[in-house]
Amino acid sequence: FCSHMSDVGVCALAGLTRLSTLKLSFCLQCSDVGLISLASSLTGLTSLDLGCTGKVTDDGLVALARLTGLTSLRLWGCTFRDTWKATHKGVAALEALPNFRRGDTNYGLYI
C-alpha cells in the first residue's frame, strides 16, 4: 500500500525508465499529473496496478493509452471511490491498446 504517496512521489518514479512493473494500489493522492508523467517516460512498462487509486480522470487514462506495451492494467475498486472521475472516454482510449480485454466489471478493467 502507498496511501501517502502523492503525485510528487509518482513523478519521481518517472526516472526509472527501465521499470516494467509498478504497483500503485491505494495511492489515494495519485492523480492525472502522476499518470501523465509515468506514461511519458516509462515506455517499457508492461504491468501497472492502480487499484483503489485516488483522483484519476479521463486525462490520466488517455495518457496511459500511450503505453502500448501494457499487458496488465488493473483498475479494481476505482469506480467505488468518490474521487474517481474517469468515464467511458478514458476507457475507450484504453480499449485501443493492442492487448486490451475487458475483465470482470465487479473489479474494474484489465488489459
PDB file of N, CA and C in Angstrom:
ATOM      1  N   PHE A   1       0.832  -1.187   0.000  1.00  0.00           N
ATOM      2  CA  PHE A   1       0.000   0.000   0.000  1.00  0.00           C
ATOM      3  C   PHE A   1       0.874   1.247   0.000  1.00  0.00           C
ATOM      4  N   CYS A   2       0.410   2.254  -0.694  1.00  0.00           N
ATOM      5  CA  CYS A   2       1.169   3.516  -0.725  1.00  0.00           C
ATOM      6  C   CYS A   2       0.212   4.682  -0.527  1.00  0.00           C
ATOM      7  N   SER A   3      -0.593   4.619   0.502  1.00  0.00           N
ATOM      8  CA  SER A   3      -1.657   5.604   0.699  1.00  0.00           C
ATOM      9  C   SER A   3      -1.146   7.021   0.903  1.00  0.00           C
ATOM     10  N   HIS A   4       0.122   7.174   1.237  1.00  0.00           N
ATOM     11  CA  HIS A   4       0.647   8.515   1.479  1.00  0.00           C
ATOM     12  C   HIS A   4       1.444   9.054   0.296  1.00  0.00           C
ATOM     13  N   MET A   5       1.595   8.266  -0.761  1.00  0.00           N
ATOM     14  CA  MET A   5       2.351   8.738  -1.911  1.00  0.00           C
ATOM     15  C   MET A   5       1.502   9.706  -2.729  1.00  0.00           C
ATOM     16  N   SER A   6       2.086  10.838  -3.031  1.00  0.00           N
ATOM     17  CA  SER A   6       1.390  11.854  -3.820  1.00  0.00           C
ATOM     18  C   SER A   6       1.928  11.841  -5.248  1.00  0.00           C
ATOM     19  N   ASP A   7       1.445  12.765  -6.051  1.00  0.00           N
ATOM     20  CA  ASP A   7       1.945  12.888  -7.414  1.00  0.00           C
ATOM     21  C   ASP A   7       3.433  13.209  -7.447  1.00  0.00           C
ATOM     22  N   VAL A   8       3.933  13.900  -6.446  1.00  0.00           N
ATOM     23  CA  VAL A   8       5.364  14.212  -6.385  1.00  0.00           C
ATOM     24  C   VAL A   8       6.168  12.908  -6.357  1.00  0.00           C
ATOM     25  N   GLY A   9       5.756  11.979  -5.525  1.00  0.00           N
ATOM     26  CA  GLY A   9       6.431  10.683  -5.447  1.00  0.00           C
ATOM     27  C   GLY A   9       6.274   9.872  -6.714  1.00  0.00           C
ATOM     28  N   VAL A  10       5.079   9.888  -7.275  1.00  0.00           N
ATOM     29  CA  VAL A  10       4.827   9.144  -8.508  1.00  0.00           C
ATOM     30  C   VAL A  10       5.661   9.730  -9.648  1.00  0.00           C
ATOM     31  N   CYS A  11       5.733  11.039  -9.737  1.00  0.00           N
ATOM     32  CA  CYS A  11       6.541  11.674 -10.780  1.00  0.00           C
ATOM     33  C   CYS A  11       8.023  11.341 -10.617  1.00  0.00           C
ATOM     34  N   ALA A  12       8.478  11.177  -9.382  1.00  0.00           N
ATOM     35  CA  ALA A  12       9.878  10.813  -9.147  1.00  0.00           C
ATOM     36  C   ALA A  12      10.191   9.433  -9.721  1.00  0.00           C
ATOM     37  N   LEU A  13       9.184   8.556  -9.790  1.00  0.00           N
ATOM     38  CA  LEU A  13       9.381   7.226 -10.357  1.00  0.00           C
ATOM     39  C   LEU A  13       9.615   7.278 -11.864  1.00  0.00           C
ATOM     40  N   ALA A  14       9.249   8.372 -12.486  1.00  0.00           N
ATOM     41  CA  ALA A  14       9.387   8.505 -13.938  1.00  0.00           C
ATOM     42  C   ALA A  14      10.839   8.385 -14.390  1.00  0.00           C
ATOM     43  N   GLY A  15      11.770   8.615 -13.499  1.00  0.00           N
ATOM     44  CA  GLY A  15      13.183   8.478 -13.839  1.00  0.00           C
ATOM     45  C   GLY A  15      13.640   7.034 -13.957  1.00  0.00           C
ATOM     46  N   LEU A  16      12.828   6.103 -13.526  1.00  0.00           N
ATOM     47  CA  LEU A  16      13.180   4.673 -13.577  1.00  0.00           C
ATOM     48  C   LEU A  16      12.736   4.105 -14.923  1.00  0.00           C
ATOM     49  N   THR A  17      13.369   4.542 -15.981  1.00  0.00           N
ATOM     50  CA  THR A  17      12.899   4.265 -17.336  1.00  0.00           C
ATOM     51  C   THR A  17      12.912   2.787 -17.719  1.00  0.00           C
ATOM     52  N   ARG A  18      13.633   1.951 -17.002  1.00  0.00           N
ATOM     53  CA  ARG A  18      13.665   0.526 -17.318  1.00  0.00           C
ATOM     54  C   ARG A  18      12.653  -0.275 -16.510  1.00  0.00           C
ATOM     55  N   LEU A  19      11.854   0.409 -15.724  1.00  0.00           N
ATOM     56  CA  LEU A  19      10.839  -0.236 -14.896  1.00  0.00           C
ATOM     57  C   LEU A  19       9.797  -0.917 -15.787  1.00  0.00           C
ATOM     58  N   SER A  20       9.456  -2.167 -15.458  1.00  0.00           N
ATOM     59  CA  SER A  20       8.458  -2.878 -16.261  1.00  0.00           C
ATOM     60  C   SER A  20       7.172  -3.154 -15.478  1.00  0.00           C
ATOM     61  N   THR A  21       7.254  -3.207 -14.156  1.00  0.00           N
ATOM     62  CA  THR A  21       6.090  -3.492 -13.315  1.00  0.00           C
ATOM     63  C   THR A  21       5.999  -2.446 -12.211  1.00  0.00           C
ATOM     64  N   LEU A  22       4.796  -1.934 -12.002  1.00  0.00           N
ATOM     65  CA  LEU A  22       4.601  -0.921 -10.974  1.00  0.00           C
ATOM     66  C   LEU A  22       3.250  -1.130 -10.307  1.00  0.00           C
ATOM     67  N   LYS A  23       3.256  -1.194  -8.987  1.00  0.00           N
ATOM     68  CA  LYS A  23       2.030  -1.335  -8.212  1.00  0.00           C
ATOM     69  C   LYS A  23       1.815  -0.065  -7.399  1.00  0.00           C
ATOM     70  N   LEU A  24       0.770   0.659  -7.760  1.00  0.00           N
ATOM     71  CA  LEU A  24       0.427   1.903  -7.062  1.00  0.00           C
ATOM     72  C   LEU A  24      -0.946   1.811  -6.408  1.00  0.00           C
ATOM     73  N   SER A  25      -1.382   0.609  -6.092  1.00  0.00           N
ATOM     74  CA  SER A  25      -2.705   0.465  -5.493  1.00  0.00           C
ATOM     75  C   SER A  25      -2.782   1.218  -4.164  1.00  0.00           C
ATOM     76  N   PHE A  26      -3.927   1.804  -3.934  1.00  0.00           N
ATOM     77  CA  PHE A  26      -4.232   2.601  -2.738  1.00  0.00           C
ATOM     78  C   PHE A  26      -3.418   3.887  -2.633  1.00  0.00           C
ATOM     79  N   CYS A  27      -2.887   4.373  -3.753  1.00  0.00           N
ATOM     80  CA  CYS A  27      -2.255   5.703  -3.767  1.00  0.00           C
ATOM     81  C   CYS A  27      -3.372   6.723  -3.880  1.00  0.00           C
ATOM     82  N   LEU A  28      -3.939   7.064  -2.774  1.00  0.00           N
ATOM     83  CA  LEU A  28      -5.136   7.894  -2.748  1.00  0.00           C
ATOM     84  C   LEU A  28      -4.905   9.306  -3.261  1.00  0.00           C
ATOM     85  N   GLN A  29      -3.664   9.762  -3.242  1.00  0.00           N
ATOM     86  CA  GLN A  29      -3.338  11.109  -3.715  1.00  0.00           C
ATOM     87  C   GLN A  29      -2.866  11.119  -5.164  1.00  0.00           C
ATOM     88  N   CYS A  30      -2.816   9.966  -5.787  1.00  0.00           N
ATOM     89  CA  CYS A  30      -2.358   9.871  -7.174  1.00  0.00           C
ATOM     90  C   CYS A  30      -3.432  10.427  -8.109  1.00  0.00           C
ATOM     91  N   SER A  31      -3.006  11.321  -8.991  1.00  0.00           N
ATOM     92  CA  SER A  31      -3.950  11.931  -9.934  1.00  0.00           C
ATOM     93  C   SER A  31      -3.408  11.820 -11.355  1.00  0.00           C
ATOM     94  N   ASP A  32      -4.050  12.508 -12.249  1.00  0.00           N
ATOM     95  CA  ASP A  32      -3.620  12.525 -13.644  1.00  0.00           C
ATOM     96  C   ASP A  32      -2.196  13.048 -13.798  1.00  0.00           C
ATOM     97  N   VAL A  33      -1.794  13.969 -12.945  1.00  0.00           N
ATOM     98  CA  VAL A  33      -0.446  14.532 -13.023  1.00  0.00           C
ATOM     99  C   VAL A  33       0.594  13.416 -12.952  1.00  0.00           C
ATOM    100  N   GLY A  34       0.442  12.526 -11.995  1.00  0.00           N
ATOM    101  CA  GLY A  34       1.376  11.410 -11.851  1.00  0.00           C
ATOM    102  C   GLY A  34       1.295  10.436 -13.009  1.00  0.00           C
ATOM    103  N   LEU A  35       0.077  10.128 -13.442  1.00  0.00           N
ATOM    104  CA  LEU A  35      -0.089   9.172 -14.536  1.00  0.00           C
ATOM    105  C   LEU A  35       0.466   9.706 -15.848  1.00  0.00           C
ATOM    106  N   ILE A  36       0.263  10.981 -16.105  1.00  0.00           N
ATOM    107  CA  ILE A  36       0.799  11.581 -17.330  1.00  0.00           C
ATOM    108  C   ILE A  36       2.316  11.543 -17.315  1.00  0.00           C
ATOM    109  N   SER A  37       2.911  11.800 -16.174  1.00  0.00           N
ATOM    110  CA  SER A  37       4.366  11.728 -16.046  1.00  0.00           C
ATOM    111  C   SER A  37       4.872  10.308 -16.301  1.00  0.00           C
ATOM    112  N   LEU A  38       4.202   9.338 -15.719  1.00  0.00           N
ATOM    113  CA  LEU A  38       4.606   7.936 -15.922  1.00  0.00           C
ATOM    114  C   LEU A  38       4.463   7.522 -17.382  1.00  0.00           C
ATOM    115  N   ALA A  39       3.357   7.898 -17.982  1.00  0.00           N
ATOM    116  CA  ALA A  39       3.080   7.480 -19.358  1.00  0.00           C
ATOM    117  C   ALA A  39       4.075   8.081 -20.345  1.00  0.00           C
ATOM    118  N   SER A  40       4.619   9.233 -20.022  1.00  0.00           N
ATOM    119  CA  SER A  40       5.551   9.873 -20.946  1.00  0.00           C
ATOM    120  C   SER A  40       6.974   9.356 -20.806  1.00  0.00           C
ATOM    121  N   SER A  41       7.283   8.690 -19.706  1.00  0.00           N
ATOM    122  CA  SER A  41       8.673   8.267 -19.510  1.00  0.00           C
ATOM    123  C   SER A  41       8.863   6.766 -19.323  1.00  0.00           C
ATOM    124  N   LEU A  42       7.874   6.072 -18.793  1.00  0.00           N
ATOM    125  CA  LEU A  42       8.026   4.635 -18.536  1.00  0.00           C
ATOM    126  C   LEU A  42       7.483   3.826 -19.714  1.00  0.00           C
ATOM    127  N   THR A  43       8.072   4.030 -20.867  1.00  0.00           N
ATOM    128  CA  THR A  43       7.560   3.426 -22.092  1.00  0.00           C
ATOM    129  C   THR A  43       7.712   1.906 -22.117  1.00  0.00           C
ATOM    130  N   GLY A  44       8.541   1.351 -21.252  1.00  0.00           N
ATOM    131  CA  GLY A  44       8.717  -0.101 -21.187  1.00  0.00           C
ATOM    132  C   GLY A  44       7.799  -0.776 -20.182  1.00  0.00           C
ATOM    133  N   LEU A  45       6.903  -0.024 -19.576  1.00  0.00           N
ATOM    134  CA  LEU A  45       6.003  -0.568 -18.558  1.00  0.00           C
ATOM    135  C   LEU A  45       5.061  -1.599 -19.178  1.00  0.00           C
ATOM    136  N   THR A  46       5.031  -2.790 -18.582  1.00  0.00           N
ATOM    137  CA  THR A  46       4.140  -3.840 -19.074  1.00  0.00           C
ATOM    138  C   THR A  46       3.027  -4.158 -18.089  1.00  0.00           C
ATOM    139  N   SER A  47       3.213  -3.824 -16.815  1.00  0.00           N
ATOM    140  CA  SER A  47       2.208  -4.137 -15.802  1.00  0.00           C
ATOM    141  C   SER A  47       2.055  -2.955 -14.851  1.00  0.00           C
ATOM    142  N   LEU A  48       0.817  -2.506 -14.680  1.00  0.00           N
ATOM    143  CA  LEU A  48       0.530  -1.366 -13.814  1.00  0.00           C
ATOM    144  C   LEU A  48      -0.727  -1.654 -13.008  1.00  0.00           C
ATOM    145  N   ASP A  49      -0.615  -1.550 -11.690  1.00  0.00           N
ATOM    146  CA  ASP A  49      -1.745  -1.761 -10.789  1.00  0.00           C
ATOM    147  C   ASP A  49      -2.117  -0.428 -10.166  1.00  0.00           C
ATOM    148  N   LEU A  50      -3.308   0.060 -10.512  1.00  0.00           N
ATOM    149  CA  LEU A  50      -3.822   1.319  -9.982  1.00  0.00           C
ATOM    150  C   LEU A  50      -5.069   1.087  -9.141  1.00  0.00           C
ATOM    151  N   GLY A  51      -5.205  -0.084  -8.579  1.00  0.00           N
ATOM    152  CA  GLY A  51      -6.380  -0.411  -7.786  1.00  0.00           C
ATOM    153  C   GLY A  51      -6.603   0.580  -6.663  1.00  0.00           C
ATOM    154  N   CYS A  52      -7.824   1.047  -6.543  1.00  0.00           N
ATOM    155  CA  CYS A  52      -8.231   1.984  -5.482  1.00  0.00           C
ATOM    156  C   CYS A  52      -7.375   3.238  -5.436  1.00  0.00           C
ATOM    157  N   THR A  53      -7.003   3.741  -6.608  1.00  0.00           N
ATOM    158  CA  THR A  53      -6.263   4.999  -6.635  1.00  0.00           C
ATOM    159  C   THR A  53      -7.222   6.153  -6.398  1.00  0.00           C
ATOM    160  N   GLY A  54      -6.656   7.318  -6.306  1.00  0.00           N
ATOM    161  CA  GLY A  54      -7.457   8.465  -5.926  1.00  0.00           C
ATOM    162  C   GLY A  54      -8.078   9.251  -7.046  1.00  0.00           C
ATOM    163  N   LYS A  55      -7.446  10.295  -7.454  1.00  0.00           N
ATOM    164  CA  LYS A  55      -8.064  11.352  -8.252  1.00  0.00           C
ATOM    165  C   LYS A  55      -7.807  11.203  -9.752  1.00  0.00           C
ATOM    166  N   VAL A  56      -8.136  10.080 -10.302  1.00  0.00           N
ATOM    167  CA  VAL A  56      -7.877   9.806 -11.714  1.00  0.00           C
ATOM    168  C   VAL A  56      -9.087  10.204 -12.556  1.00  0.00           C
ATOM    169  N   THR A  57      -8.813  10.863 -13.694  1.00  0.00           N
ATOM    170  CA  THR A  57      -9.872  11.237 -14.630  1.00  0.00           C
ATOM    171  C   THR A  57      -9.547  10.644 -16.002  1.00  0.00           C
ATOM    172  N   ASP A  58     -10.356  10.993 -16.964  1.00  0.00           N
ATOM    173  CA  ASP A  58     -10.127  10.527 -18.332  1.00  0.00           C
ATOM    174  C   ASP A  58      -8.757  10.936 -18.852  1.00  0.00           C
ATOM    175  N   ASP A  59      -8.278  12.102 -18.464  1.00  0.00           N
ATOM    176  CA  ASP A  59      -6.969  12.560 -18.930  1.00  0.00           C
ATOM    177  C   ASP A  59      -5.862  11.589 -18.533  1.00  0.00           C
ATOM    178  N   GLY A  60      -5.935  11.056 -17.338  1.00  0.00           N
ATOM    179  CA  GLY A  60      -4.941  10.081 -16.892  1.00  0.00           C
ATOM    180  C   GLY A  60      -5.026   8.785 -17.666  1.00  0.00           C
ATOM    181  N   LEU A  61      -6.243   8.311 -17.917  1.00  0.00           N
ATOM    182  CA  LEU A  61      -6.409   7.072 -18.669  1.00  0.00           C
ATOM    183  C   LEU A  61      -5.988   7.246 -20.124  1.00  0.00           C
ATOM    184  N   VAL A  62      -6.296   8.389 -20.714  1.00  0.00           N
ATOM    185  CA  VAL A  62      -5.872   8.657 -22.093  1.00  0.00           C
ATOM    186  C   VAL A  62      -4.342   8.660 -22.174  1.00  0.00           C
ATOM    187  N   ALA A  63      -3.686   9.231 -21.176  1.00  0.00           N
ATOM    188  CA  ALA A  63      -2.215   9.226 -21.147  1.00  0.00           C
ATOM    189  C   ALA A  63      -1.686   7.799 -21.081  1.00  0.00           C
ATOM    190  N   LEU A  64      -2.314   6.956 -20.270  1.00  0.00           N
ATOM    191  CA  LEU A  64      -1.867   5.563 -20.151  1.00  0.00           C
ATOM    192  C   LEU A  64      -2.014   4.797 -21.460  1.00  0.00           C
ATOM    193  N   ALA A  65      -2.915   5.228 -22.300  1.00  0.00           N
ATOM    194  CA  ALA A  65      -3.119   4.550 -23.587  1.00  0.00           C
ATOM    195  C   ALA A  65      -1.893   4.677 -24.495  1.00  0.00           C
ATOM    196  N   ARG A  66      -0.962   5.549 -24.150  1.00  0.00           N
ATOM    197  CA  ARG A  66       0.301   5.655 -24.904  1.00  0.00           C
ATOM    198  C   ARG A  66       1.255   4.513 -24.578  1.00  0.00           C
ATOM    199  N   LEU A  67       0.987   3.788 -23.499  1.00  0.00           N
ATOM    200  CA  LEU A  67       1.853   2.677 -23.086  1.00  0.00           C
ATOM    201  C   LEU A  67       1.430   1.413 -23.827  1.00  0.00           C
ATOM    202  N   THR A  68       1.800   1.320 -25.070  1.00  0.00           N
ATOM    203  CA  THR A  68       1.332   0.239 -25.942  1.00  0.00           C
ATOM    204  C   THR A  68       1.860  -1.130 -25.535  1.00  0.00           C
ATOM    205  N   GLY A  69       2.859  -1.186 -24.680  1.00  0.00           N
ATOM    206  CA  GLY A  69       3.401  -2.459 -24.221  1.00  0.00           C
ATOM    207  C   GLY A  69       2.680  -3.035 -23.008  1.00  0.00           C
ATOM    208  N   LEU A  70       1.694  -2.307 -22.478  1.00  0.00           N
ATOM    209  CA  LEU A  70       0.967  -2.806 -21.302  1.00  0.00           C
ATOM    210  C   LEU A  70       0.271  -4.126 -21.617  1.00  0.00           C
ATOM    211  N   THR A  71       0.514  -5.093 -20.784  1.00  0.00           N
ATOM    212  CA  THR A  71      -0.220  -6.354 -20.876  1.00  0.00           C
ATOM    213  C   THR A  71      -1.102  -6.545 -19.657  1.00  0.00           C
ATOM    214  N   SER A  72      -0.889  -5.725 -18.619  1.00  0.00           N
ATOM    215  CA  SER A  72      -1.710  -5.813 -17.422  1.00  0.00           C
ATOM    216  C   SER A  72      -1.919  -4.418 -16.853  1.00  0.00           C
ATOM    217  N   LEU A  73      -3.167  -4.000 -16.803  1.00  0.00           N
ATOM    218  CA  LEU A  73      -3.534  -2.735 -16.172  1.00  0.00           C
ATOM    219  C   LEU A  73      -4.708  -3.026 -15.261  1.00  0.00           C
ATOM    220  N   ARG A  74      -4.476  -2.887 -13.973  1.00  0.00           N
ATOM    221  CA  ARG A  74      -5.524  -3.198 -13.001  1.00  0.00           C
ATOM    222  C   ARG A  74      -6.093  -1.899 -12.440  1.00  0.00           C
ATOM    223  N   LEU A  75      -7.392  -1.773 -12.556  1.00  0.00           N
ATOM    224  CA  LEU A  75      -8.109  -0.606 -12.047  1.00  0.00           C
ATOM    225  C   LEU A  75      -9.183  -1.026 -11.058  1.00  0.00           C
ATOM    226  N   TRP A  76      -8.994  -2.133 -10.400  1.00  0.00           N
ATOM    227  CA  TRP A  76     -10.000  -2.672  -9.481  1.00  0.00           C
ATOM    228  C   TRP A  76     -10.316  -1.686  -8.363  1.00  0.00           C
ATOM    229  N   GLY A  77     -11.569  -1.621  -8.027  1.00  0.00           N
ATOM    230  CA  GLY A  77     -12.005  -0.811  -6.899  1.00  0.00           C
ATOM    231  C   GLY A  77     -12.071   0.678  -7.158  1.00  0.00           C
ATOM    232  N   CYS A  78     -11.595   1.116  -8.310  1.00  0.00           N
ATOM    233  CA  CYS A  78     -11.551   2.557  -8.572  1.00  0.00           C
ATOM    234  C   CYS A  78     -12.932   3.169  -8.700  1.00  0.00           C
ATOM    235  N   THR A  79     -13.838   2.459  -9.311  1.00  0.00           N
ATOM    236  CA  THR A  79     -15.159   3.027  -9.565  1.00  0.00           C
ATOM    237  C   THR A  79     -15.980   3.189  -8.289  1.00  0.00           C
ATOM    238  N   PHE A  80     -15.538   2.605  -7.206  1.00  0.00           N
ATOM    239  CA  PHE A  80     -16.274   2.693  -5.949  1.00  0.00           C
ATOM    240  C   PHE A  80     -15.829   3.879  -5.096  1.00  0.00           C
ATOM    241  N   ARG A  81     -14.763   4.565  -5.520  1.00  0.00           N
ATOM    242  CA  ARG A  81     -14.252   5.699  -4.760  1.00  0.00           C
ATOM    243  C   ARG A  81     -14.969   6.974  -5.204  1.00  0.00           C
ATOM    244  N   ASP A  82     -15.293   7.832  -4.277  1.00  0.00           N
ATOM    245  CA  ASP A  82     -15.961   9.090  -4.605  1.00  0.00           C
ATOM    246  C   ASP A  82     -15.088  10.001  -5.471  1.00  0.00           C
ATOM    247  N   THR A  83     -13.770   9.832  -5.393  1.00  0.00           N
ATOM    248  CA  THR A  83     -12.863  10.711  -6.118  1.00  0.00           C
ATOM    249  C   THR A  83     -12.597  10.239  -7.545  1.00  0.00           C
ATOM    250  N   TRP A  84     -13.047   9.054  -7.914  1.00  0.00           N
ATOM    251  CA  TRP A  84     -12.795   8.514  -9.251  1.00  0.00           C
ATOM    252  C   TRP A  84     -13.669   9.249 -10.257  1.00  0.00           C
ATOM    253  N   LYS A  85     -13.054   9.934 -11.196  1.00  0.00           N
ATOM    254  CA  LYS A  85     -13.787  10.786 -12.137  1.00  0.00           C
ATOM    255  C   LYS A  85     -13.665  10.319 -13.591  1.00  0.00           C
ATOM    256  N   ALA A  86     -13.121   9.158 -13.833  1.00  0.00           N
ATOM    257  CA  ALA A  86     -12.974   8.656 -15.197  1.00  0.00           C
ATOM    258  C   ALA A  86     -14.328   8.190 -15.730  1.00  0.00           C
ATOM    259  N   THR A  87     -14.484   8.297 -17.045  1.00  0.00           N
ATOM    260  CA  THR A  87     -15.734   7.918 -17.697  1.00  0.00           C
ATOM    261  C   THR A  87     -15.439   6.995 -18.882  1.00  0.00           C
ATOM    262  N   HIS A  88     -16.449   6.787 -19.692  1.00  0.00           N
ATOM    263  CA  HIS A  88     -16.301   5.943 -20.872  1.00  0.00           C
ATOM    264  C   HIS A  88     -15.250   6.480 -21.845  1.00  0.00           C
ATOM    265  N   LYS A  89     -14.987   7.784 -21.837  1.00  0.00           N
ATOM    266  CA  LYS A  89     -13.966   8.368 -22.726  1.00  0.00           C
ATOM    267  C   LYS A  89     -12.581   7.795 -22.413  1.00  0.00           C
ATOM    268  N   GLY A  90     -12.232   7.737 -21.140  1.00  0.00           N
ATOM    269  CA  GLY A  90     -10.943   7.183 -20.741  1.00  0.00           C
ATOM    270  C   GLY A  90     -10.849   5.699 -21.033  1.00  0.00           C
ATOM    271  N   VAL A  91     -11.929   4.990 -20.781  1.00  0.00           N
ATOM    272  CA  VAL A  91     -11.961   3.554 -21.052  1.00  0.00           C
ATOM    273  C   VAL A  91     -11.826   3.296 -22.551  1.00  0.00           C
ATOM    274  N   ALA A  92     -12.464   4.130 -23.375  1.00  0.00           N
ATOM    275  CA  ALA A  92     -12.374   3.976 -24.825  1.00  0.00           C
ATOM    276  C   ALA A  92     -10.928   4.115 -25.298  1.00  0.00           C
ATOM    277  N   ALA A  93     -10.178   5.017 -24.682  1.00  0.00           N
ATOM    278  CA  ALA A  93      -8.764   5.171 -25.042  1.00  0.00           C
ATOM    279  C   ALA A  93      -7.987   3.913 -24.705  1.00  0.00           C
ATOM    280  N   LEU A  94      -8.296   3.306 -23.569  1.00  0.00           N
ATOM    281  CA  LEU A  94      -7.616   2.069 -23.171  1.00  0.00           C
ATOM    282  C   LEU A  94      -7.986   0.906 -24.085  1.00  0.00           C
ATOM    283  N   GLU A  95      -9.203   0.909 -24.585  1.00  0.00           N
ATOM    284  CA  GLU A  95      -9.637  -0.172 -25.468  1.00  0.00           C
ATOM    285  C   GLU A  95      -8.836  -0.212 -26.761  1.00  0.00           C
ATOM    286  N   ALA A  96      -8.175   0.884 -27.104  1.00  0.00           N
ATOM    287  CA  ALA A  96      -7.356   0.926 -28.312  1.00  0.00           C
ATOM    288  C   ALA A  96      -6.003   0.237 -28.123  1.00  0.00           C
ATOM    289  N   LEU A  97      -5.648  -0.079 -26.892  1.00  0.00           N
ATOM    290  CA  LEU A  97      -4.382  -0.782 -26.647  1.00  0.00           C
ATOM    291  C   LEU A  97      -4.434  -2.171 -27.266  1.00  0.00           C
ATOM    292  N   PRO A  98      -3.305  -2.623 -27.827  1.00  0.00           N
ATOM    293  CA  PRO A  98      -3.308  -3.898 -28.552  1.00  0.00           C
ATOM    294  C   PRO A  98      -3.702  -5.116 -27.714  1.00  0.00           C
ATOM    295  N   ASN A  99      -3.445  -5.090 -26.420  1.00  0.00           N
ATOM    296  CA  ASN A  99      -3.722  -6.259 -25.581  1.00  0.00           C
ATOM    297  C   ASN A  99      -4.950  -6.089 -24.705  1.00  0.00           C
ATOM    298  N   PHE A 100      -5.809  -5.130 -25.041  1.00  0.00           N
ATOM    299  CA  PHE A 100      -6.961  -4.837 -24.198  1.00  0.00           C
ATOM    300  C   PHE A 100      -7.997  -5.959 -24.236  1.00  0.00           C
ATOM    301  N   ARG A 101      -8.504  -6.278 -23.067  1.00  0.00           N
ATOM    302  CA  ARG A 101      -9.707  -7.093 -22.951  1.00  0.00           C
ATOM    303  C   ARG A 101     -10.408  -6.661 -21.680  1.00  0.00           C
ATOM    304  N   ARG A 102     -11.709  -6.583 -21.725  1.00  0.00           N
ATOM    305  CA  ARG A 102     -12.476  -6.138 -20.567  1.00  0.00           C
ATOM    306  C   ARG A 102     -12.553  -7.288 -19.567  1.00  0.00           C
ATOM    307  N   GLY A 103     -12.266  -6.986 -18.313  1.00  0.00           N
ATOM    308  CA  GLY A 103     -12.294  -8.002 -17.266  1.00  0.00           C
ATOM    309  C   GLY A 103     -13.618  -8.011 -16.532  1.00  0.00           C
ATOM    310  N   ASP A 104     -13.601  -8.626 -15.402  1.00  0.00           N
ATOM    311  CA  ASP A 104     -14.767  -8.716 -14.539  1.00  0.00           C
ATOM    312  C   ASP A 104     -15.140  -7.310 -14.057  1.00  0.00           C
ATOM    313  N   THR A 105     -16.325  -6.854 -14.406  1.00  0.00           N
ATOM    314  CA  THR A 105     -16.705  -5.484 -14.067  1.00  0.00           C
ATOM    315  C   THR A 105     -16.879  -5.262 -12.567  1.00  0.00           C
ATOM    316  N   ASN A 106     -16.952  -6.295 -11.784  1.00  0.00           N
ATOM    317  CA  ASN A 106     -17.021  -6.121 -10.334  1.00  0.00           C
ATOM    318  C   ASN A 106     -15.687  -5.627  -9.779  1.00  0.00           C
ATOM    319  N   TYR A 107     -14.637  -5.858 -10.505  1.00  0.00           N
ATOM    320  CA  TYR A 107     -13.301  -5.491 -10.018  1.00  0.00           C
ATOM    321  C   TYR A 107     -12.668  -4.382 -10.831  1.00  0.00           C
ATOM    322  N   GLY A 108     -13.194  -4.035 -11.957  1.00  0.00           N
ATOM    323  CA  GLY A 108     -12.613  -2.967 -12.767  1.00  0.00           C
ATOM    324  C   GLY A 108     -12.218  -3.446 -14.140  1.00  0.00           C
ATOM    325  N   LEU A 109     -11.194  -2.841 -14.682  1.00  0.00           N
ATOM    326  CA  LEU A 109     -10.740  -3.156 -16.036  1.00  0.00           C
ATOM    327  C   LEU A 109      -9.411  -3.849 -15.988  1.00  0.00           C
ATOM    328  N   TYR A 110      -9.210  -4.753 -16.885  1.00  0.00           N
ATOM    329  CA  TYR A 110      -7.930  -5.451 -17.011  1.00  0.00           C
ATOM    330  C   TYR A 110      -7.508  -5.435 -18.448  1.00  0.00           C
ATOM    331  N   ILE A 111      -6.233  -5.340 -18.680  1.00  0.00           N
ATOM    332  CA  ILE A 111      -5.698  -5.475 -20.024  1.00  0.00           C
ATOM    333  C   ILE A 111      -4.968  -6.793 -20.080  1.00  0.00           C
TER     334      ILE A 111
END
